[in-house]
Amino acid sequence: MSVGLFGCVDGVGGSPKSGQIGGVHDEGCEGKGGEDIGADDVSPLGFSAREVLSVASGERSAPLTWAKGGSTTATLSVGEIVAARFVGSMDGSGVGPDIGCAEHLQIDVPMAFSTEDGAFDESFEVTLRATQADAAGFEHAIELSPSALQGSYEVTEVDTAEFREVFLYLSGTLSSSAVEGRIDGLGEFVRGSGPLGAVGAQTFRVAEF
């Protein structure tokens, strides 16, 4: 686990701002900017979104190990392209696994993520990011509210009473017939009050696959 302070108390909840917690949810170059391209258009990188999806699409499974102990099987599936963009190099701190701010393709696709033990059974749209044709990274914030979460997962890695809000992030890399990734958590807390108060966060690992 790691702990950090990253801002003054403003009385408003919500996820941490860009670049504040490295390795969990670092959005320094995030955003759907860039130039819209067709799925089959060859980008300035020398490949198309369709080529990336030919590697990343479909269903694949991997053993998942829970940080608190135990294991299950994770299954992830990627559907057809919704939209695609070419993003030139930018200043900032990163957009996801192994990409940083280099030129890359952003490819919006539907994704389903589930675990054999029923902890997760989620479906959502995600943005794949690719600097090469044979691999793509992704990151997604999993909604923890009972009305949104379809699986049975509950936060037990930390005491949620110690935080004003807890966030969960699924990230990983897709390559030919393979997937690897992790689930990380972030608990947001307040230390002090008034002008001297500060908002901080503690990160924790949930699982790896």
N, C-alpha and C. Protein backbone atom coordinates (compact mmCIF):
# COMPACT_ATOMS: atom_id res chain seq x y z
N MET A 1 0.84 -1.19 0.00
CA MET A 1 0.00 0.00 0.00
C MET A 1 0.87 1.25 0.00
N SER A 2 0.34 2.35 -0.51
CA SER A 2 1.05 3.62 -0.45
C SER A 2 0.08 4.72 -0.10
N VAL A 3 0.58 5.75 0.54
CA VAL A 3 -0.26 6.85 1.00
C VAL A 3 0.34 8.15 0.48
N GLY A 4 -0.53 9.09 0.09
CA GLY A 4 -0.04 10.38 -0.35
C GLY A 4 -1.05 11.46 -0.10
N LEU A 5 -0.59 12.69 0.07
CA LEU A 5 -1.46 13.85 0.18
C LEU A 5 -1.37 14.61 -1.13
N PHE A 6 -2.54 15.09 -1.64
CA PHE A 6 -2.47 15.74 -2.94
C PHE A 6 -3.35 16.96 -3.10
N GLY A 7 -3.82 17.57 -2.03
CA GLY A 7 -4.60 18.78 -2.27
C GLY A 7 -5.27 19.28 -1.03
N CYS A 8 -5.84 20.48 -1.12
CA CYS A 8 -6.56 21.08 0.00
C CYS A 8 -7.99 20.59 0.02
N VAL A 9 -8.59 20.68 1.19
CA VAL A 9 -9.98 20.27 1.33
C VAL A 9 -10.85 21.31 0.64
N ASP A 10 -11.73 20.84 -0.25
CA ASP A 10 -12.63 21.77 -0.92
C ASP A 10 -14.09 21.45 -0.64
N GLY A 11 -14.32 20.40 0.15
CA GLY A 11 -15.68 20.04 0.48
C GLY A 11 -16.40 19.30 -0.61
N VAL A 12 -15.73 19.04 -1.69
CA VAL A 12 -16.36 18.36 -2.82
C VAL A 12 -15.73 16.99 -3.00
N GLY A 13 -16.53 15.97 -3.07
CA GLY A 13 -16.01 14.63 -3.28
C GLY A 13 -15.65 14.40 -4.73
N GLY A 14 -15.24 13.17 -5.04
CA GLY A 14 -14.91 12.84 -6.42
C GLY A 14 -13.54 12.25 -6.51
N SER A 15 -13.23 11.73 -7.69
CA SER A 15 -11.95 11.04 -7.86
C SER A 15 -10.80 12.02 -7.84
N PRO A 16 -9.59 11.54 -7.52
CA PRO A 16 -8.40 12.40 -7.52
C PRO A 16 -8.17 13.01 -8.89
N LYS A 17 -7.51 14.17 -8.88
CA LYS A 17 -7.25 14.87 -10.13
C LYS A 17 -6.09 14.25 -10.88
N SER A 18 -5.91 14.69 -12.09
CA SER A 18 -4.93 14.09 -12.99
C SER A 18 -3.53 14.03 -12.39
N GLY A 19 -2.91 12.86 -12.52
CA GLY A 19 -1.52 12.72 -12.19
C GLY A 19 -1.19 12.64 -10.72
N GLN A 20 -2.20 12.52 -9.84
CA GLN A 20 -1.91 12.62 -8.43
C GLN A 20 -1.47 11.31 -7.79
N ILE A 21 -1.98 10.23 -8.26
CA ILE A 21 -1.62 8.95 -7.68
C ILE A 21 -1.02 8.08 -8.77
N GLY A 22 0.31 7.98 -8.81
CA GLY A 22 0.97 7.24 -9.87
C GLY A 22 0.70 5.77 -9.79
N GLY A 23 0.51 5.12 -10.94
CA GLY A 23 0.38 3.68 -11.01
C GLY A 23 -1.01 3.17 -10.80
N VAL A 24 -1.94 4.03 -10.39
CA VAL A 24 -3.31 3.57 -10.19
C VAL A 24 -4.25 4.27 -11.15
N HIS A 25 -4.25 5.57 -11.13
CA HIS A 25 -5.17 6.28 -12.01
C HIS A 25 -4.54 7.59 -12.41
N ASP A 26 -3.58 7.52 -13.29
CA ASP A 26 -2.78 8.67 -13.68
C ASP A 26 -3.23 9.16 -15.04
N GLU A 27 -3.91 10.30 -15.07
CA GLU A 27 -4.54 10.75 -16.30
C GLU A 27 -3.83 11.95 -16.91
N GLY A 28 -2.53 12.08 -16.71
CA GLY A 28 -1.84 13.26 -17.19
C GLY A 28 -1.99 13.50 -18.67
N CYS A 29 -2.16 12.46 -19.49
CA CYS A 29 -2.37 12.61 -20.93
C CYS A 29 -3.72 12.06 -21.35
N GLU A 30 -4.58 11.81 -20.37
CA GLU A 30 -5.87 11.21 -20.66
C GLU A 30 -6.73 12.19 -21.44
N GLY A 31 -7.81 11.69 -21.98
CA GLY A 31 -8.74 12.54 -22.70
C GLY A 31 -8.90 12.05 -24.12
N LYS A 32 -10.10 12.26 -24.66
CA LYS A 32 -10.38 11.76 -25.99
C LYS A 32 -10.10 12.85 -27.02
N GLY A 33 -8.91 13.42 -26.96
CA GLY A 33 -8.51 14.37 -27.96
C GLY A 33 -7.98 13.63 -29.17
N GLY A 34 -7.34 14.37 -30.06
CA GLY A 34 -6.77 13.70 -31.22
C GLY A 34 -7.67 13.77 -32.43
N GLU A 35 -7.23 13.11 -33.47
CA GLU A 35 -7.89 13.15 -34.78
C GLU A 35 -8.70 11.87 -35.01
N ASP A 36 -9.99 12.02 -35.25
CA ASP A 36 -10.83 10.86 -35.55
C ASP A 36 -10.34 10.19 -36.83
N ILE A 37 -10.29 8.87 -36.79
CA ILE A 37 -9.90 8.12 -37.99
C ILE A 37 -10.86 6.95 -38.17
N GLY A 38 -10.95 6.46 -39.37
CA GLY A 38 -11.76 5.29 -39.64
C GLY A 38 -11.09 4.04 -39.12
N ALA A 39 -11.87 3.03 -38.88
CA ALA A 39 -11.34 1.78 -38.32
C ALA A 39 -10.27 1.15 -39.21
N ASP A 40 -10.39 1.35 -40.53
CA ASP A 40 -9.45 0.73 -41.45
C ASP A 40 -8.40 1.70 -41.99
N ASP A 41 -8.45 2.95 -41.54
CA ASP A 41 -7.47 3.93 -42.00
C ASP A 41 -6.10 3.63 -41.38
N VAL A 42 -5.07 3.68 -42.19
CA VAL A 42 -3.71 3.49 -41.67
C VAL A 42 -3.28 4.80 -41.00
N SER A 43 -2.96 4.72 -39.74
CA SER A 43 -2.57 5.89 -38.96
C SER A 43 -1.13 6.28 -39.24
N PRO A 44 -0.69 7.45 -38.76
CA PRO A 44 0.73 7.84 -38.91
C PRO A 44 1.68 6.85 -38.23
N LEU A 45 1.16 5.98 -37.38
CA LEU A 45 2.00 4.97 -36.73
C LEU A 45 2.27 3.78 -37.65
N GLY A 46 1.55 3.73 -38.77
CA GLY A 46 1.78 2.66 -39.74
C GLY A 46 0.83 1.49 -39.63
N PHE A 47 -0.19 1.60 -38.78
CA PHE A 47 -1.18 0.53 -38.66
C PHE A 47 -2.54 1.14 -38.34
N SER A 48 -3.58 0.35 -38.51
CA SER A 48 -4.95 0.83 -38.31
C SER A 48 -5.52 0.32 -36.99
N ALA A 49 -6.63 0.93 -36.60
CA ALA A 49 -7.34 0.46 -35.40
C ALA A 49 -7.83 -0.96 -35.60
N ARG A 50 -8.23 -1.29 -36.82
CA ARG A 50 -8.70 -2.65 -37.11
C ARG A 50 -7.60 -3.68 -36.88
N GLU A 51 -6.37 -3.33 -37.24
CA GLU A 51 -5.25 -4.25 -37.01
C GLU A 51 -5.04 -4.51 -35.52
N VAL A 52 -5.15 -3.45 -34.72
CA VAL A 52 -5.02 -3.62 -33.27
C VAL A 52 -6.13 -4.50 -32.74
N LEU A 53 -7.35 -4.25 -33.22
CA LEU A 53 -8.49 -5.01 -32.71
C LEU A 53 -8.43 -6.47 -33.14
N SER A 54 -7.80 -6.74 -34.27
CA SER A 54 -7.68 -8.14 -34.70
C SER A 54 -6.86 -8.95 -33.70
N VAL A 55 -6.00 -8.25 -32.95
CA VAL A 55 -5.21 -8.89 -31.90
C VAL A 55 -5.94 -8.86 -30.57
N ALA A 56 -6.60 -7.72 -30.27
CA ALA A 56 -7.17 -7.51 -28.94
C ALA A 56 -8.59 -8.03 -28.78
N SER A 57 -9.32 -8.23 -29.86
CA SER A 57 -10.74 -8.59 -29.74
C SER A 57 -10.92 -10.05 -29.36
N GLY A 58 -12.15 -10.37 -29.01
CA GLY A 58 -12.47 -11.74 -28.63
C GLY A 58 -12.38 -11.94 -27.12
N GLU A 59 -12.47 -13.20 -26.74
CA GLU A 59 -12.47 -13.56 -25.32
C GLU A 59 -11.18 -14.28 -24.95
N ARG A 60 -10.64 -13.94 -23.79
CA ARG A 60 -9.50 -14.68 -23.26
C ARG A 60 -9.60 -14.73 -21.75
N SER A 61 -9.02 -15.77 -21.16
CA SER A 61 -9.07 -15.98 -19.72
C SER A 61 -7.67 -16.11 -19.15
N ALA A 62 -7.55 -15.82 -17.86
CA ALA A 62 -6.25 -15.92 -17.19
C ALA A 62 -6.49 -16.20 -15.71
N PRO A 63 -5.57 -16.90 -15.05
CA PRO A 63 -5.69 -17.12 -13.61
C PRO A 63 -5.60 -15.77 -12.88
N LEU A 64 -6.46 -15.56 -11.91
CA LEU A 64 -6.46 -14.33 -11.11
C LEU A 64 -6.17 -14.67 -9.67
N THR A 65 -5.27 -13.92 -9.07
CA THR A 65 -4.90 -14.11 -7.67
C THR A 65 -5.36 -12.91 -6.85
N TRP A 66 -6.15 -13.15 -5.82
CA TRP A 66 -6.61 -12.09 -4.94
C TRP A 66 -5.50 -11.68 -3.98
N ALA A 67 -5.38 -10.39 -3.73
CA ALA A 67 -4.33 -9.89 -2.84
C ALA A 67 -4.49 -10.43 -1.42
N LYS A 68 -5.72 -10.70 -1.01
CA LYS A 68 -5.96 -11.20 0.35
C LYS A 68 -5.83 -12.71 0.44
N GLY A 69 -5.56 -13.35 -0.70
CA GLY A 69 -5.41 -14.80 -0.73
C GLY A 69 -6.52 -15.45 -1.54
N GLY A 70 -6.22 -16.58 -2.15
CA GLY A 70 -7.19 -17.27 -2.98
C GLY A 70 -7.03 -16.92 -4.44
N SER A 71 -7.67 -17.69 -5.28
CA SER A 71 -7.56 -17.46 -6.71
C SER A 71 -8.84 -17.88 -7.41
N THR A 72 -8.97 -17.43 -8.65
CA THR A 72 -10.10 -17.78 -9.50
C THR A 72 -9.65 -17.58 -10.93
N THR A 73 -10.57 -17.58 -11.87
CA THR A 73 -10.25 -17.33 -13.27
C THR A 73 -10.94 -16.05 -13.72
N ALA A 74 -10.18 -15.16 -14.34
CA ALA A 74 -10.73 -13.93 -14.89
C ALA A 74 -10.96 -14.11 -16.39
N THR A 75 -12.09 -13.62 -16.88
CA THR A 75 -12.39 -13.67 -18.30
C THR A 75 -12.71 -12.27 -18.79
N LEU A 76 -12.08 -11.90 -19.89
CA LEU A 76 -12.25 -10.57 -20.46
C LEU A 76 -12.55 -10.71 -21.95
N SER A 77 -13.53 -9.97 -22.42
CA SER A 77 -13.85 -10.01 -23.85
C SER A 77 -13.99 -8.60 -24.39
N VAL A 78 -13.57 -8.42 -25.63
CA VAL A 78 -13.58 -7.12 -26.29
C VAL A 78 -14.42 -7.22 -27.55
N GLY A 79 -15.31 -6.25 -27.74
CA GLY A 79 -16.19 -6.25 -28.90
C GLY A 79 -15.68 -5.38 -30.03
N GLU A 80 -16.59 -4.99 -30.92
CA GLU A 80 -16.23 -4.26 -32.13
C GLU A 80 -15.94 -2.78 -31.86
N ILE A 81 -15.24 -2.15 -32.77
CA ILE A 81 -14.84 -0.75 -32.63
C ILE A 81 -16.06 0.17 -32.63
N VAL A 82 -16.08 1.07 -31.65
CA VAL A 82 -17.10 2.11 -31.60
C VAL A 82 -16.58 3.39 -32.26
N ALA A 83 -15.34 3.75 -31.93
CA ALA A 83 -14.71 4.93 -32.52
C ALA A 83 -13.20 4.78 -32.36
N ALA A 84 -12.46 5.54 -33.17
CA ALA A 84 -10.99 5.48 -33.09
C ALA A 84 -10.41 6.86 -33.34
N ARG A 85 -9.26 7.13 -32.70
CA ARG A 85 -8.59 8.41 -32.84
C ARG A 85 -7.08 8.19 -32.87
N PHE A 86 -6.39 9.07 -33.60
CA PHE A 86 -4.93 9.12 -33.52
C PHE A 86 -4.57 10.30 -32.64
N VAL A 87 -3.72 10.06 -31.63
CA VAL A 87 -3.31 11.11 -30.70
C VAL A 87 -1.81 11.32 -30.82
N GLY A 88 -1.40 12.54 -31.14
CA GLY A 88 0.01 12.86 -31.24
C GLY A 88 0.65 12.92 -29.86
N SER A 89 1.98 12.98 -29.81
CA SER A 89 2.68 13.04 -28.53
C SER A 89 2.31 14.32 -27.80
N MET A 90 2.19 14.19 -26.45
CA MET A 90 1.76 15.32 -25.62
C MET A 90 2.63 15.39 -24.39
N ASP A 91 2.61 16.54 -23.72
CA ASP A 91 3.25 16.66 -22.43
C ASP A 91 2.29 16.12 -21.38
N GLY A 92 2.83 15.48 -20.35
CA GLY A 92 2.00 14.96 -19.28
C GLY A 92 2.63 13.76 -18.65
N SER A 93 1.84 13.05 -17.84
CA SER A 93 2.42 11.99 -17.02
C SER A 93 2.01 10.58 -17.38
N GLY A 94 1.08 10.40 -18.35
CA GLY A 94 0.79 9.02 -18.72
C GLY A 94 -0.67 8.79 -19.05
N VAL A 95 -0.96 7.77 -19.82
CA VAL A 95 -2.33 7.42 -20.14
C VAL A 95 -2.63 5.97 -19.84
N GLY A 96 -1.75 5.24 -19.25
CA GLY A 96 -2.03 3.85 -18.98
C GLY A 96 -0.79 3.01 -19.09
N PRO A 97 -0.96 1.70 -19.01
CA PRO A 97 0.20 0.80 -18.98
C PRO A 97 1.14 0.96 -20.17
N ASP A 98 2.38 1.33 -19.93
CA ASP A 98 3.45 1.30 -20.92
C ASP A 98 3.26 2.24 -22.09
N ILE A 99 2.42 3.26 -21.97
CA ILE A 99 2.16 4.13 -23.11
C ILE A 99 2.74 5.53 -22.89
N GLY A 100 2.62 6.06 -21.69
CA GLY A 100 3.08 7.41 -21.44
C GLY A 100 2.37 8.39 -22.35
N CYS A 101 3.09 9.35 -22.86
CA CYS A 101 2.48 10.36 -23.72
C CYS A 101 2.94 10.24 -25.17
N ALA A 102 3.38 9.10 -25.57
CA ALA A 102 3.82 8.88 -26.94
C ALA A 102 2.62 8.90 -27.89
N GLU A 103 2.89 9.08 -29.17
CA GLU A 103 1.84 8.96 -30.18
C GLU A 103 1.18 7.60 -30.05
N HIS A 104 -0.15 7.57 -30.15
CA HIS A 104 -0.85 6.30 -30.00
C HIS A 104 -2.24 6.38 -30.61
N LEU A 105 -2.84 5.22 -30.80
CA LEU A 105 -4.23 5.14 -31.20
C LEU A 105 -5.09 4.94 -29.97
N GLN A 106 -6.22 5.62 -29.93
CA GLN A 106 -7.26 5.38 -28.93
C GLN A 106 -8.42 4.70 -29.64
N ILE A 107 -8.85 3.57 -29.11
CA ILE A 107 -9.91 2.79 -29.76
C ILE A 107 -10.99 2.48 -28.73
N ASP A 108 -12.16 3.05 -28.91
CA ASP A 108 -13.27 2.81 -28.00
C ASP A 108 -13.96 1.50 -28.37
N VAL A 109 -14.11 0.62 -27.37
CA VAL A 109 -14.71 -0.68 -27.61
C VAL A 109 -15.55 -1.09 -26.40
N PRO A 110 -16.56 -1.95 -26.59
CA PRO A 110 -17.24 -2.54 -25.45
C PRO A 110 -16.37 -3.64 -24.85
N MET A 111 -16.38 -3.74 -23.52
CA MET A 111 -15.59 -4.76 -22.84
C MET A 111 -16.44 -5.41 -21.75
N ALA A 112 -16.24 -6.69 -21.56
CA ALA A 112 -16.87 -7.42 -20.46
C ALA A 112 -15.77 -8.04 -19.62
N PHE A 113 -15.90 -7.94 -18.30
CA PHE A 113 -14.91 -8.49 -17.38
C PHE A 113 -15.64 -9.26 -16.28
N SER A 114 -15.25 -10.51 -16.09
CA SER A 114 -15.90 -11.32 -15.06
C SER A 114 -14.89 -12.24 -14.40
N THR A 115 -15.25 -12.71 -13.22
CA THR A 115 -14.43 -13.71 -12.52
C THR A 115 -15.31 -14.93 -12.24
N GLU A 116 -14.68 -16.09 -12.28
CA GLU A 116 -15.42 -17.34 -12.14
C GLU A 116 -16.13 -17.45 -10.79
N ASP A 117 -15.58 -16.80 -9.77
CA ASP A 117 -16.20 -16.87 -8.45
C ASP A 117 -17.35 -15.89 -8.27
N GLY A 118 -17.66 -15.10 -9.31
CA GLY A 118 -18.80 -14.18 -9.25
C GLY A 118 -18.52 -12.82 -8.65
N ALA A 119 -17.27 -12.56 -8.25
CA ALA A 119 -16.96 -11.26 -7.65
C ALA A 119 -17.20 -10.12 -8.64
N PHE A 120 -16.88 -10.34 -9.92
CA PHE A 120 -17.12 -9.34 -10.94
C PHE A 120 -17.86 -9.96 -12.12
N ASP A 121 -18.79 -9.19 -12.67
CA ASP A 121 -19.52 -9.59 -13.87
C ASP A 121 -19.96 -8.30 -14.56
N GLU A 122 -18.97 -7.54 -15.03
CA GLU A 122 -19.19 -6.17 -15.46
C GLU A 122 -19.09 -6.00 -16.97
N SER A 123 -19.84 -5.04 -17.49
CA SER A 123 -19.77 -4.67 -18.90
C SER A 123 -19.70 -3.15 -18.99
N PHE A 124 -18.86 -2.63 -19.88
CA PHE A 124 -18.66 -1.20 -19.97
C PHE A 124 -17.94 -0.88 -21.28
N GLU A 125 -17.88 0.40 -21.63
CA GLU A 125 -17.07 0.83 -22.77
C GLU A 125 -15.73 1.30 -22.24
N VAL A 126 -14.66 0.96 -22.94
CA VAL A 126 -13.32 1.30 -22.51
C VAL A 126 -12.53 1.81 -23.71
N THR A 127 -11.50 2.58 -23.45
CA THR A 127 -10.63 3.07 -24.51
C THR A 127 -9.31 2.30 -24.49
N LEU A 128 -9.07 1.54 -25.55
CA LEU A 128 -7.78 0.88 -25.72
C LEU A 128 -6.77 1.90 -26.23
N ARG A 129 -5.53 1.75 -25.79
CA ARG A 129 -4.47 2.64 -26.26
C ARG A 129 -3.33 1.80 -26.80
N ALA A 130 -2.91 2.09 -28.01
CA ALA A 130 -1.90 1.25 -28.67
C ALA A 130 -0.83 2.10 -29.35
N THR A 131 0.42 1.77 -29.06
CA THR A 131 1.54 2.40 -29.75
C THR A 131 2.10 1.46 -30.81
N GLN A 132 1.62 0.22 -30.82
CA GLN A 132 2.03 -0.77 -31.81
C GLN A 132 0.83 -1.64 -32.14
N ALA A 133 0.92 -2.36 -33.23
CA ALA A 133 -0.25 -3.09 -33.72
C ALA A 133 -0.55 -4.37 -32.95
N ASP A 134 0.42 -4.88 -32.20
CA ASP A 134 0.23 -6.20 -31.60
C ASP A 134 -0.05 -6.17 -30.10
N ALA A 135 -0.41 -5.01 -29.55
CA ALA A 135 -0.74 -4.93 -28.12
C ALA A 135 -1.49 -3.64 -27.85
N ALA A 136 -2.33 -3.65 -26.82
CA ALA A 136 -3.08 -2.46 -26.44
C ALA A 136 -3.29 -2.46 -24.92
N GLY A 137 -3.16 -1.30 -24.33
CA GLY A 137 -3.40 -1.16 -22.90
C GLY A 137 -4.75 -0.52 -22.63
N PHE A 138 -5.25 -0.69 -21.42
CA PHE A 138 -6.54 -0.08 -21.05
C PHE A 138 -6.57 0.18 -19.55
N GLU A 139 -7.45 1.09 -19.16
CA GLU A 139 -7.73 1.35 -17.75
C GLU A 139 -9.18 1.76 -17.63
N HIS A 140 -9.85 1.26 -16.58
CA HIS A 140 -11.26 1.56 -16.41
C HIS A 140 -11.59 1.68 -14.93
N ALA A 141 -12.34 2.71 -14.57
CA ALA A 141 -12.82 2.87 -13.20
C ALA A 141 -14.09 2.04 -13.02
N ILE A 142 -14.05 1.09 -12.10
CA ILE A 142 -15.20 0.24 -11.84
C ILE A 142 -16.11 0.91 -10.83
N GLU A 143 -17.36 1.09 -11.18
CA GLU A 143 -18.34 1.72 -10.30
C GLU A 143 -18.68 0.77 -9.16
N LEU A 144 -18.52 1.24 -7.92
CA LEU A 144 -18.71 0.38 -6.75
C LEU A 144 -20.11 0.47 -6.14
N SER A 145 -20.96 1.35 -6.63
CA SER A 145 -22.29 1.46 -6.04
C SER A 145 -23.08 0.17 -6.29
N PRO A 146 -23.90 -0.24 -5.31
CA PRO A 146 -24.68 -1.49 -5.45
C PRO A 146 -25.54 -1.52 -6.71
N SER A 147 -26.00 -0.34 -7.14
CA SER A 147 -26.87 -0.30 -8.33
C SER A 147 -26.10 -0.52 -9.62
N ALA A 148 -24.77 -0.30 -9.58
CA ALA A 148 -23.95 -0.42 -10.79
C ALA A 148 -23.15 -1.71 -10.83
N LEU A 149 -22.64 -2.15 -9.69
CA LEU A 149 -21.79 -3.34 -9.66
C LEU A 149 -22.63 -4.59 -9.83
N GLN A 150 -22.31 -5.39 -10.85
CA GLN A 150 -23.09 -6.59 -11.14
C GLN A 150 -22.59 -7.82 -10.40
N GLY A 151 -21.33 -7.83 -10.02
CA GLY A 151 -20.78 -8.95 -9.28
C GLY A 151 -21.00 -8.80 -7.78
N SER A 152 -20.41 -9.71 -7.02
CA SER A 152 -20.60 -9.73 -5.57
C SER A 152 -19.46 -9.08 -4.81
N TYR A 153 -18.50 -8.49 -5.51
CA TYR A 153 -17.33 -7.93 -4.85
C TYR A 153 -17.69 -6.85 -3.83
N GLU A 154 -17.04 -6.91 -2.67
CA GLU A 154 -17.11 -5.86 -1.66
C GLU A 154 -15.69 -5.53 -1.22
N VAL A 155 -15.44 -4.28 -0.92
CA VAL A 155 -14.10 -3.86 -0.50
C VAL A 155 -13.83 -4.38 0.90
N THR A 156 -12.85 -5.28 1.01
CA THR A 156 -12.44 -5.81 2.31
C THR A 156 -10.94 -5.66 2.52
N GLU A 157 -10.24 -5.17 1.51
CA GLU A 157 -8.79 -5.00 1.60
C GLU A 157 -8.40 -3.88 2.58
N VAL A 158 -9.30 -2.91 2.75
CA VAL A 158 -9.09 -1.81 3.69
C VAL A 158 -10.40 -1.57 4.43
N ASP A 159 -10.33 -0.82 5.51
CA ASP A 159 -11.52 -0.44 6.26
C ASP A 159 -12.12 0.79 5.60
N THR A 160 -13.24 0.61 4.90
CA THR A 160 -13.83 1.72 4.16
C THR A 160 -14.29 2.86 5.06
N ALA A 161 -14.51 2.58 6.35
CA ALA A 161 -14.93 3.62 7.28
C ALA A 161 -13.85 4.67 7.49
N GLU A 162 -12.61 4.35 7.12
CA GLU A 162 -11.50 5.28 7.30
C GLU A 162 -11.38 6.26 6.13
N PHE A 163 -12.20 6.09 5.10
CA PHE A 163 -12.10 6.93 3.90
C PHE A 163 -13.42 7.60 3.59
N ARG A 164 -13.31 8.76 2.95
CA ARG A 164 -14.56 9.42 2.55
C ARG A 164 -15.10 8.84 1.25
N GLU A 165 -14.22 8.22 0.47
CA GLU A 165 -14.66 7.54 -0.75
C GLU A 165 -13.60 6.55 -1.19
N VAL A 166 -14.04 5.45 -1.79
CA VAL A 166 -13.12 4.43 -2.28
C VAL A 166 -13.38 4.22 -3.77
N PHE A 167 -12.29 4.12 -4.54
CA PHE A 167 -12.39 3.93 -5.98
C PHE A 167 -11.68 2.63 -6.35
N LEU A 168 -12.11 2.05 -7.48
CA LEU A 168 -11.52 0.79 -7.95
C LEU A 168 -11.18 0.94 -9.42
N TYR A 169 -10.00 0.44 -9.82
CA TYR A 169 -9.55 0.57 -11.21
C TYR A 169 -9.06 -0.76 -11.76
N LEU A 170 -9.56 -1.09 -12.93
CA LEU A 170 -9.13 -2.28 -13.67
C LEU A 170 -8.22 -1.82 -14.79
N SER A 171 -7.02 -2.40 -14.89
CA SER A 171 -6.11 -2.03 -15.97
C SER A 171 -5.42 -3.27 -16.49
N GLY A 172 -4.92 -3.19 -17.70
CA GLY A 172 -4.25 -4.36 -18.26
C GLY A 172 -3.73 -4.13 -19.65
N THR A 173 -3.17 -5.19 -20.20
CA THR A 173 -2.62 -5.18 -21.56
C THR A 173 -3.14 -6.40 -22.31
N LEU A 174 -3.62 -6.17 -23.51
CA LEU A 174 -4.11 -7.23 -24.38
C LEU A 174 -3.10 -7.47 -25.49
N SER A 175 -2.76 -8.72 -25.70
CA SER A 175 -1.92 -9.10 -26.84
C SER A 175 -2.52 -10.34 -27.46
N SER A 176 -1.88 -10.89 -28.44
CA SER A 176 -2.46 -12.02 -29.15
C SER A 176 -2.82 -13.17 -28.21
N SER A 177 -4.10 -13.45 -28.08
CA SER A 177 -4.63 -14.57 -27.28
C SER A 177 -4.25 -14.51 -25.81
N ALA A 178 -3.82 -13.33 -25.32
CA ALA A 178 -3.39 -13.24 -23.93
C ALA A 178 -3.87 -11.93 -23.32
N VAL A 179 -3.98 -11.92 -21.99
CA VAL A 179 -4.30 -10.71 -21.25
C VAL A 179 -3.59 -10.78 -19.91
N GLU A 180 -3.07 -9.66 -19.48
CA GLU A 180 -2.54 -9.56 -18.12
C GLU A 180 -2.95 -8.22 -17.55
N GLY A 181 -3.19 -8.20 -16.26
CA GLY A 181 -3.64 -6.95 -15.67
C GLY A 181 -3.76 -7.03 -14.17
N ARG A 182 -4.44 -6.05 -13.63
CA ARG A 182 -4.60 -6.00 -12.19
C ARG A 182 -5.82 -5.15 -11.84
N ILE A 183 -6.24 -5.27 -10.60
CA ILE A 183 -7.29 -4.44 -10.04
C ILE A 183 -6.68 -3.72 -8.85
N ASP A 184 -6.73 -2.40 -8.87
CA ASP A 184 -6.20 -1.59 -7.78
C ASP A 184 -7.30 -0.78 -7.14
N GLY A 185 -7.11 -0.45 -5.88
CA GLY A 185 -8.05 0.40 -5.18
C GLY A 185 -7.38 1.66 -4.69
N LEU A 186 -8.19 2.69 -4.45
CA LEU A 186 -7.71 3.94 -3.92
C LEU A 186 -8.74 4.47 -2.94
N GLY A 187 -8.31 4.71 -1.71
CA GLY A 187 -9.18 5.28 -0.70
C GLY A 187 -8.83 6.73 -0.46
N GLU A 188 -9.80 7.61 -0.58
CA GLU A 188 -9.57 9.04 -0.42
C GLU A 188 -9.93 9.46 1.00
N PHE A 189 -9.04 10.20 1.67
CA PHE A 189 -9.29 10.61 3.06
C PHE A 189 -8.95 12.08 3.23
N VAL A 190 -9.38 12.63 4.35
CA VAL A 190 -9.11 14.03 4.69
C VAL A 190 -8.36 14.08 6.00
N ARG A 191 -7.28 14.83 6.03
CA ARG A 191 -6.54 15.07 7.26
C ARG A 191 -6.61 16.55 7.60
N GLY A 192 -7.04 16.83 8.82
CA GLY A 192 -7.19 18.22 9.23
C GLY A 192 -8.47 18.81 8.71
N SER A 193 -8.65 20.10 8.94
CA SER A 193 -9.86 20.79 8.49
C SER A 193 -9.54 22.24 8.21
N GLY A 194 -10.44 22.90 7.55
CA GLY A 194 -10.24 24.31 7.24
C GLY A 194 -9.08 24.52 6.30
N PRO A 195 -8.43 25.69 6.36
CA PRO A 195 -7.33 26.01 5.44
C PRO A 195 -6.15 25.05 5.54
N LEU A 196 -6.00 24.39 6.70
CA LEU A 196 -4.87 23.49 6.89
C LEU A 196 -5.21 22.04 6.52
N GLY A 197 -6.45 21.80 6.18
CA GLY A 197 -6.86 20.45 5.82
C GLY A 197 -6.34 20.04 4.46
N ALA A 198 -6.13 18.77 4.27
CA ALA A 198 -5.63 18.26 2.99
C ALA A 198 -6.31 16.94 2.66
N VAL A 199 -6.51 16.73 1.37
CA VAL A 199 -7.07 15.47 0.88
C VAL A 199 -5.92 14.57 0.48
N GLY A 200 -5.97 13.32 0.89
CA GLY A 200 -4.94 12.37 0.52
C GLY A 200 -5.55 11.07 0.06
N ALA A 201 -4.70 10.12 -0.28
CA ALA A 201 -5.20 8.84 -0.77
C ALA A 201 -4.25 7.72 -0.39
N GLN A 202 -4.84 6.57 -0.17
CA GLN A 202 -4.08 5.35 0.08
C GLN A 202 -4.42 4.35 -1.01
N THR A 203 -3.43 3.82 -1.66
CA THR A 203 -3.66 2.83 -2.71
C THR A 203 -3.50 1.43 -2.14
N PHE A 204 -4.21 0.49 -2.74
CA PHE A 204 -4.11 -0.90 -2.31
C PHE A 204 -4.37 -1.82 -3.49
N ARG A 205 -3.74 -2.97 -3.48
CA ARG A 205 -3.91 -3.96 -4.53
C ARG A 205 -5.09 -4.86 -4.20
N VAL A 206 -5.91 -5.16 -5.19
CA VAL A 206 -7.05 -6.06 -5.04
C VAL A 206 -6.76 -7.41 -5.65
N ALA A 207 -6.22 -7.42 -6.87
CA ALA A 207 -5.95 -8.69 -7.56
C ALA A 207 -5.02 -8.47 -8.72
N GLU A 208 -4.40 -9.57 -9.17
CA GLU A 208 -3.58 -9.58 -10.37
C GLU A 208 -3.97 -10.79 -11.22
N PHE A 209 -3.88 -10.62 -12.54
CA PHE A 209 -4.18 -11.75 -13.43
C PHE A 209 -3.27 -11.67 -14.64
